[in-house]
C-alpha cells in the first residue's frame, strides 16, 4: 500500500479505530455484540462498530519504530478525520481483533459490496 489513496472499511474495536482494505472484506454480519467482518483470509474480525467505507486514505508503511510498541503485523498506518488508525493486514490481523471461534455466530451476513 502506498500514499495513492486506499479504499478502507473503518471499524471501531478494542478502544481504537482500525482499517482494512475493502477488497479483503467479504461480508459484514451484525451480532448480538457488535459485528463480524468476514475477510478473504482465514481469520475474521470482531468490531464494536462499523464506521463505513472511506476512499482516498493515504496509508503509510508502519516502519520499524512502531515495532517497539506494536508486536502485531500491520499493513500500515493512516489518519482519517484527524484520527490515527492502524490498517490491519487481512492475512494476519491482530489476535485481539479476531473473532473468537468458540462464540456462536448469531448474525445475518450483509455483503460488503456497495
N, C-alpha and C. Protein backbone atom coordinates (compact mmCIF):
# COMPACT_ATOMS: atom_id res chain seq x y z
N UNK A 1 0.84 -1.18 0.00
CA UNK A 1 0.00 0.00 0.00
C UNK A 1 0.88 1.23 0.00
N UNK A 2 0.50 2.20 -0.70
CA UNK A 2 1.27 3.43 -0.76
C UNK A 2 0.35 4.61 -0.57
N UNK A 3 0.90 5.81 -0.73
CA UNK A 3 0.13 7.01 -0.45
C UNK A 3 -0.84 7.41 -1.53
N UNK A 4 -1.19 6.54 -2.48
CA UNK A 4 -2.07 6.88 -3.58
C UNK A 4 -3.52 7.00 -3.22
N UNK A 5 -3.90 6.59 -2.07
CA UNK A 5 -5.29 6.68 -1.65
C UNK A 5 -5.96 5.33 -1.68
N UNK A 6 -6.15 4.75 -0.54
CA UNK A 6 -6.74 3.42 -0.41
C UNK A 6 -8.23 3.53 -0.09
N UNK A 7 -8.93 2.44 -0.37
CA UNK A 7 -10.34 2.32 0.00
C UNK A 7 -10.38 1.36 1.19
N UNK A 8 -10.79 1.87 2.34
CA UNK A 8 -10.75 1.10 3.58
C UNK A 8 -12.12 0.99 4.22
N UNK A 9 -12.39 -0.17 4.82
CA UNK A 9 -13.52 -0.30 5.74
C UNK A 9 -12.98 0.09 7.10
N UNK A 10 -13.60 1.07 7.73
CA UNK A 10 -13.18 1.52 9.06
C UNK A 10 -14.09 0.91 10.11
N UNK A 11 -13.47 0.48 11.20
CA UNK A 11 -14.24 -0.10 12.29
C UNK A 11 -13.64 0.32 13.61
N UNK A 12 -14.47 0.29 14.63
CA UNK A 12 -14.03 0.59 16.00
C UNK A 12 -14.06 -0.72 16.79
N UNK A 13 -12.96 -0.95 17.50
CA UNK A 13 -12.88 -2.13 18.35
C UNK A 13 -11.70 -1.97 19.29
N UNK A 14 -11.80 -2.56 20.45
CA UNK A 14 -10.72 -2.53 21.44
C UNK A 14 -10.24 -1.11 21.72
N UNK A 15 -11.16 -0.16 21.71
CA UNK A 15 -10.84 1.23 22.04
C UNK A 15 -10.14 2.02 20.96
N UNK A 16 -10.04 1.47 19.75
CA UNK A 16 -9.33 2.18 18.69
C UNK A 16 -10.08 2.17 17.37
N UNK A 17 -9.53 2.92 16.42
CA UNK A 17 -10.05 2.95 15.06
C UNK A 17 -9.12 2.11 14.20
N UNK A 18 -9.69 1.22 13.40
CA UNK A 18 -8.94 0.29 12.59
C UNK A 18 -9.43 0.36 11.15
N UNK A 19 -8.58 0.04 10.23
CA UNK A 19 -8.96 -0.02 8.83
C UNK A 19 -8.53 -1.34 8.24
N UNK A 20 -9.27 -1.80 7.26
CA UNK A 20 -8.90 -2.99 6.50
C UNK A 20 -9.25 -2.72 5.04
N UNK A 21 -8.38 -3.15 4.13
CA UNK A 21 -8.62 -2.92 2.71
C UNK A 21 -10.00 -3.47 2.33
N UNK A 22 -10.79 -2.64 1.69
CA UNK A 22 -12.16 -3.02 1.37
C UNK A 22 -12.21 -4.26 0.48
N UNK A 23 -11.22 -4.44 -0.39
CA UNK A 23 -11.25 -5.61 -1.27
C UNK A 23 -11.01 -6.91 -0.53
N UNK A 24 -10.52 -6.86 0.71
CA UNK A 24 -10.31 -8.06 1.51
C UNK A 24 -11.55 -8.43 2.31
N UNK A 25 -12.57 -7.56 2.33
CA UNK A 25 -13.78 -7.78 3.12
C UNK A 25 -14.80 -8.52 2.26
N UNK A 26 -15.27 -9.65 2.77
CA UNK A 26 -16.26 -10.45 2.04
C UNK A 26 -17.69 -10.17 2.50
N UNK A 27 -17.87 -9.89 3.78
CA UNK A 27 -19.21 -9.62 4.31
C UNK A 27 -19.09 -9.03 5.70
N UNK A 28 -20.17 -8.38 6.13
CA UNK A 28 -20.27 -7.85 7.49
C UNK A 28 -21.55 -8.42 8.08
N UNK A 29 -21.44 -9.03 9.26
CA UNK A 29 -22.60 -9.64 9.91
C UNK A 29 -22.83 -8.98 11.26
N UNK A 30 -24.07 -8.55 11.50
CA UNK A 30 -24.45 -8.00 12.81
C UNK A 30 -24.52 -9.15 13.78
N UNK A 31 -23.99 -8.94 14.96
CA UNK A 31 -24.01 -9.95 16.01
C UNK A 31 -24.69 -9.36 17.23
N UNK A 32 -24.92 -10.19 18.22
CA UNK A 32 -25.54 -9.69 19.45
C UNK A 32 -24.72 -8.55 20.04
N UNK A 33 -23.40 -8.70 20.01
CA UNK A 33 -22.49 -7.66 20.49
C UNK A 33 -21.55 -7.25 19.37
N UNK A 34 -21.92 -6.28 18.60
CA UNK A 34 -21.05 -5.77 17.56
C UNK A 34 -21.26 -6.42 16.21
N UNK A 35 -20.15 -6.60 15.49
CA UNK A 35 -20.18 -7.10 14.12
C UNK A 35 -19.08 -8.13 13.91
N UNK A 36 -19.31 -8.99 12.96
CA UNK A 36 -18.27 -9.91 12.46
C UNK A 36 -17.94 -9.45 11.06
N UNK A 37 -16.68 -9.17 10.82
CA UNK A 37 -16.21 -8.75 9.50
C UNK A 37 -15.51 -9.95 8.88
N UNK A 38 -16.13 -10.52 7.86
CA UNK A 38 -15.56 -11.69 7.18
C UNK A 38 -14.50 -11.22 6.18
N UNK A 39 -13.32 -11.79 6.33
CA UNK A 39 -12.20 -11.42 5.47
C UNK A 39 -11.89 -12.55 4.50
N UNK A 40 -11.14 -12.21 3.46
CA UNK A 40 -10.73 -13.20 2.47
C UNK A 40 -9.75 -14.20 3.08
N UNK A 41 -9.00 -13.80 4.11
CA UNK A 41 -8.04 -14.69 4.76
C UNK A 41 -8.73 -15.68 5.69
N UNK A 42 -7.94 -16.34 6.52
CA UNK A 42 -8.50 -17.38 7.38
C UNK A 42 -9.13 -16.84 8.66
N UNK A 43 -8.89 -15.57 9.02
CA UNK A 43 -9.43 -15.01 10.25
C UNK A 43 -10.47 -13.94 9.95
N UNK A 44 -11.50 -13.88 10.80
CA UNK A 44 -12.50 -12.82 10.74
C UNK A 44 -12.24 -11.87 11.89
N UNK A 45 -12.74 -10.64 11.74
CA UNK A 45 -12.55 -9.61 12.76
C UNK A 45 -13.82 -9.38 13.55
N UNK A 46 -13.64 -9.01 14.83
CA UNK A 46 -14.75 -8.51 15.64
C UNK A 46 -14.67 -6.99 15.61
N UNK A 47 -15.81 -6.34 15.45
CA UNK A 47 -15.88 -4.89 15.52
C UNK A 47 -17.00 -4.50 16.47
N UNK A 48 -16.73 -3.53 17.33
CA UNK A 48 -17.78 -2.98 18.18
C UNK A 48 -18.74 -2.15 17.33
N UNK A 49 -18.18 -1.47 16.32
CA UNK A 49 -18.97 -0.62 15.44
C UNK A 49 -18.30 -0.57 14.07
N UNK A 50 -19.08 -0.52 13.02
CA UNK A 50 -18.57 -0.35 11.67
C UNK A 50 -18.83 1.10 11.28
N UNK A 51 -17.76 1.83 11.03
CA UNK A 51 -17.86 3.25 10.69
C UNK A 51 -18.33 3.41 9.25
N UNK A 52 -17.74 2.64 8.34
CA UNK A 52 -18.10 2.69 6.93
C UNK A 52 -16.87 2.59 6.05
N UNK A 53 -17.09 2.72 4.76
CA UNK A 53 -16.01 2.65 3.78
C UNK A 53 -15.61 4.07 3.41
N UNK A 54 -14.31 4.32 3.43
CA UNK A 54 -13.79 5.62 3.03
C UNK A 54 -12.79 5.42 1.90
N UNK A 55 -12.72 6.39 1.01
CA UNK A 55 -11.81 6.32 -0.12
C UNK A 55 -10.75 7.39 -0.01
N UNK A 56 -9.64 7.15 -0.68
CA UNK A 56 -8.59 8.16 -0.76
C UNK A 56 -7.76 8.30 0.50
N UNK A 57 -7.72 7.28 1.33
CA UNK A 57 -6.95 7.34 2.57
C UNK A 57 -5.48 7.06 2.24
N UNK A 58 -4.61 7.96 2.65
CA UNK A 58 -3.17 7.77 2.44
C UNK A 58 -2.64 6.83 3.51
N UNK A 59 -2.25 5.64 3.09
CA UNK A 59 -1.72 4.63 4.01
C UNK A 59 -0.20 4.65 3.89
N UNK A 60 0.45 4.76 5.03
CA UNK A 60 1.92 4.79 5.10
C UNK A 60 2.43 3.50 5.71
N UNK A 61 3.62 3.06 5.31
CA UNK A 61 4.19 1.87 5.95
C UNK A 61 4.33 2.10 7.46
N UNK A 62 4.14 1.04 8.22
CA UNK A 62 4.22 1.16 9.67
C UNK A 62 5.64 1.50 10.13
N UNK A 63 6.64 1.00 9.45
CA UNK A 63 8.02 1.33 9.79
C UNK A 63 8.52 0.57 11.01
N UNK A 64 9.82 0.61 11.19
CA UNK A 64 10.45 -0.13 12.27
C UNK A 64 10.21 0.44 13.65
N UNK A 65 10.01 1.75 13.75
CA UNK A 65 9.84 2.38 15.07
C UNK A 65 8.61 1.86 15.80
N UNK A 66 7.56 1.56 15.06
CA UNK A 66 6.33 1.09 15.71
C UNK A 66 6.52 -0.29 16.33
N UNK A 67 7.44 -1.09 15.81
CA UNK A 67 7.61 -2.45 16.33
C UNK A 67 8.06 -2.47 17.79
N UNK A 68 8.62 -1.37 18.27
CA UNK A 68 8.96 -1.29 19.70
C UNK A 68 7.72 -1.30 20.58
N UNK A 69 6.61 -0.81 20.03
CA UNK A 69 5.37 -0.67 20.80
C UNK A 69 4.26 -1.60 20.32
N UNK A 70 4.42 -2.16 19.13
CA UNK A 70 3.35 -2.93 18.48
C UNK A 70 3.94 -4.23 17.97
N UNK A 71 3.57 -5.35 18.57
CA UNK A 71 4.15 -6.63 18.18
C UNK A 71 3.36 -7.35 17.09
N UNK A 72 2.21 -6.84 16.72
CA UNK A 72 1.38 -7.48 15.70
C UNK A 72 1.75 -6.98 14.31
N UNK A 73 1.38 -7.75 13.29
CA UNK A 73 1.58 -7.33 11.90
C UNK A 73 0.60 -6.20 11.59
N UNK A 74 1.03 -5.27 10.76
CA UNK A 74 0.15 -4.19 10.31
C UNK A 74 0.44 -3.91 8.85
N UNK A 75 -0.60 -3.60 8.09
CA UNK A 75 -0.43 -3.26 6.68
C UNK A 75 0.02 -1.81 6.54
N UNK A 76 -0.18 -1.01 7.58
CA UNK A 76 0.24 0.39 7.53
C UNK A 76 -0.46 1.23 8.58
N UNK A 77 -0.18 2.51 8.50
CA UNK A 77 -0.78 3.50 9.39
C UNK A 77 -1.44 4.57 8.55
N UNK A 78 -2.48 5.18 9.08
CA UNK A 78 -3.18 6.23 8.34
C UNK A 78 -3.84 7.18 9.33
N UNK A 79 -4.36 8.27 8.80
CA UNK A 79 -5.14 9.23 9.57
C UNK A 79 -6.41 9.51 8.78
N UNK A 80 -7.54 9.43 9.49
CA UNK A 80 -8.82 9.76 8.87
C UNK A 80 -9.58 10.67 9.82
N UNK A 81 -10.03 11.81 9.31
CA UNK A 81 -10.78 12.78 10.11
C UNK A 81 -10.02 13.10 11.39
N UNK A 82 -8.73 13.34 11.26
CA UNK A 82 -7.83 13.72 12.36
C UNK A 82 -7.65 12.62 13.41
N UNK A 83 -8.03 11.39 13.08
CA UNK A 83 -7.86 10.27 13.99
C UNK A 83 -6.90 9.26 13.39
N UNK A 84 -5.83 8.93 14.12
CA UNK A 84 -4.90 7.91 13.61
C UNK A 84 -5.52 6.52 13.67
N UNK A 85 -5.11 5.68 12.75
CA UNK A 85 -5.61 4.31 12.73
C UNK A 85 -4.54 3.36 12.22
N UNK A 86 -4.65 2.12 12.63
CA UNK A 86 -3.79 1.05 12.14
C UNK A 86 -4.56 0.34 11.04
N UNK A 87 -3.91 0.13 9.91
CA UNK A 87 -4.50 -0.63 8.82
C UNK A 87 -4.11 -2.09 9.03
N UNK A 88 -5.10 -2.94 9.20
CA UNK A 88 -4.92 -4.34 9.54
C UNK A 88 -4.46 -5.12 8.31
N UNK A 89 -3.50 -6.01 8.51
CA UNK A 89 -3.12 -6.96 7.47
C UNK A 89 -4.19 -8.05 7.46
N UNK A 90 -4.97 -8.19 6.39
CA UNK A 90 -6.07 -9.16 6.41
C UNK A 90 -5.61 -10.61 6.53
N UNK A 91 -4.37 -10.88 6.19
CA UNK A 91 -3.85 -12.23 6.34
C UNK A 91 -3.36 -12.52 7.76
N UNK A 92 -3.03 -11.45 8.50
CA UNK A 92 -2.51 -11.61 9.87
C UNK A 92 -3.07 -10.51 10.77
N UNK A 93 -4.39 -10.51 10.98
CA UNK A 93 -4.97 -9.47 11.84
C UNK A 93 -4.51 -9.65 13.29
N UNK A 94 -4.52 -8.57 14.06
CA UNK A 94 -4.16 -8.68 15.49
C UNK A 94 -5.03 -9.72 16.19
N UNK A 95 -4.41 -10.49 17.05
CA UNK A 95 -5.15 -11.56 17.76
C UNK A 95 -6.36 -11.02 18.52
N UNK A 96 -6.22 -9.84 19.13
CA UNK A 96 -7.32 -9.33 19.95
C UNK A 96 -8.49 -8.80 19.11
N UNK A 97 -8.32 -8.68 17.80
CA UNK A 97 -9.43 -8.29 16.93
C UNK A 97 -10.10 -9.48 16.26
N UNK A 98 -9.49 -10.64 16.35
CA UNK A 98 -10.03 -11.84 15.70
C UNK A 98 -11.28 -12.32 16.42
N UNK A 99 -12.22 -12.85 15.64
CA UNK A 99 -13.43 -13.43 16.20
C UNK A 99 -13.05 -14.67 16.98
N UNK A 100 -13.61 -14.78 18.18
CA UNK A 100 -13.44 -15.98 19.00
C UNK A 100 -14.33 -17.06 18.39
N UNK A 101 -13.72 -18.07 17.81
CA UNK A 101 -14.48 -19.12 17.12
C UNK A 101 -15.34 -19.95 18.05
N UNK A 102 -15.14 -19.84 19.37
CA UNK A 102 -15.98 -20.59 20.31
C UNK A 102 -17.32 -19.91 20.52
N UNK A 103 -17.43 -18.63 20.11
CA UNK A 103 -18.71 -17.93 20.22
C UNK A 103 -19.61 -18.33 19.07
N UNK A 104 -20.93 -18.31 19.30
CA UNK A 104 -21.86 -18.59 18.22
C UNK A 104 -21.92 -17.39 17.29
N UNK A 105 -22.14 -17.66 16.03
CA UNK A 105 -22.29 -16.60 15.03
C UNK A 105 -23.78 -16.39 14.84
N UNK A 106 -24.33 -15.37 15.52
CA UNK A 106 -25.77 -15.19 15.57
C UNK A 106 -26.28 -14.10 14.63
N UNK A 107 -25.47 -13.72 13.65
CA UNK A 107 -25.88 -12.60 12.82
C UNK A 107 -26.25 -13.00 11.42
N UNK A 108 -26.80 -12.04 10.71
CA UNK A 108 -27.10 -12.20 9.30
C UNK A 108 -26.03 -11.49 8.51
N UNK A 109 -25.50 -12.15 7.48
CA UNK A 109 -24.45 -11.55 6.66
C UNK A 109 -25.02 -10.40 5.83
N UNK A 110 -24.27 -9.32 5.78
CA UNK A 110 -24.55 -8.23 4.87
C UNK A 110 -23.35 -8.13 3.96
N UNK A 111 -23.56 -8.19 2.69
CA UNK A 111 -22.46 -8.16 1.74
C UNK A 111 -21.74 -6.83 1.82
N UNK A 112 -20.41 -6.88 1.65
CA UNK A 112 -19.57 -5.69 1.75
C UNK A 112 -19.61 -4.87 0.48
N UNK A 113 -20.15 -5.41 -0.59
CA UNK A 113 -20.19 -4.68 -1.86
C UNK A 113 -21.12 -3.49 -1.75
N UNK A 114 -20.79 -2.45 -2.50
CA UNK A 114 -21.64 -1.24 -2.48
C UNK A 114 -22.94 -1.47 -3.19
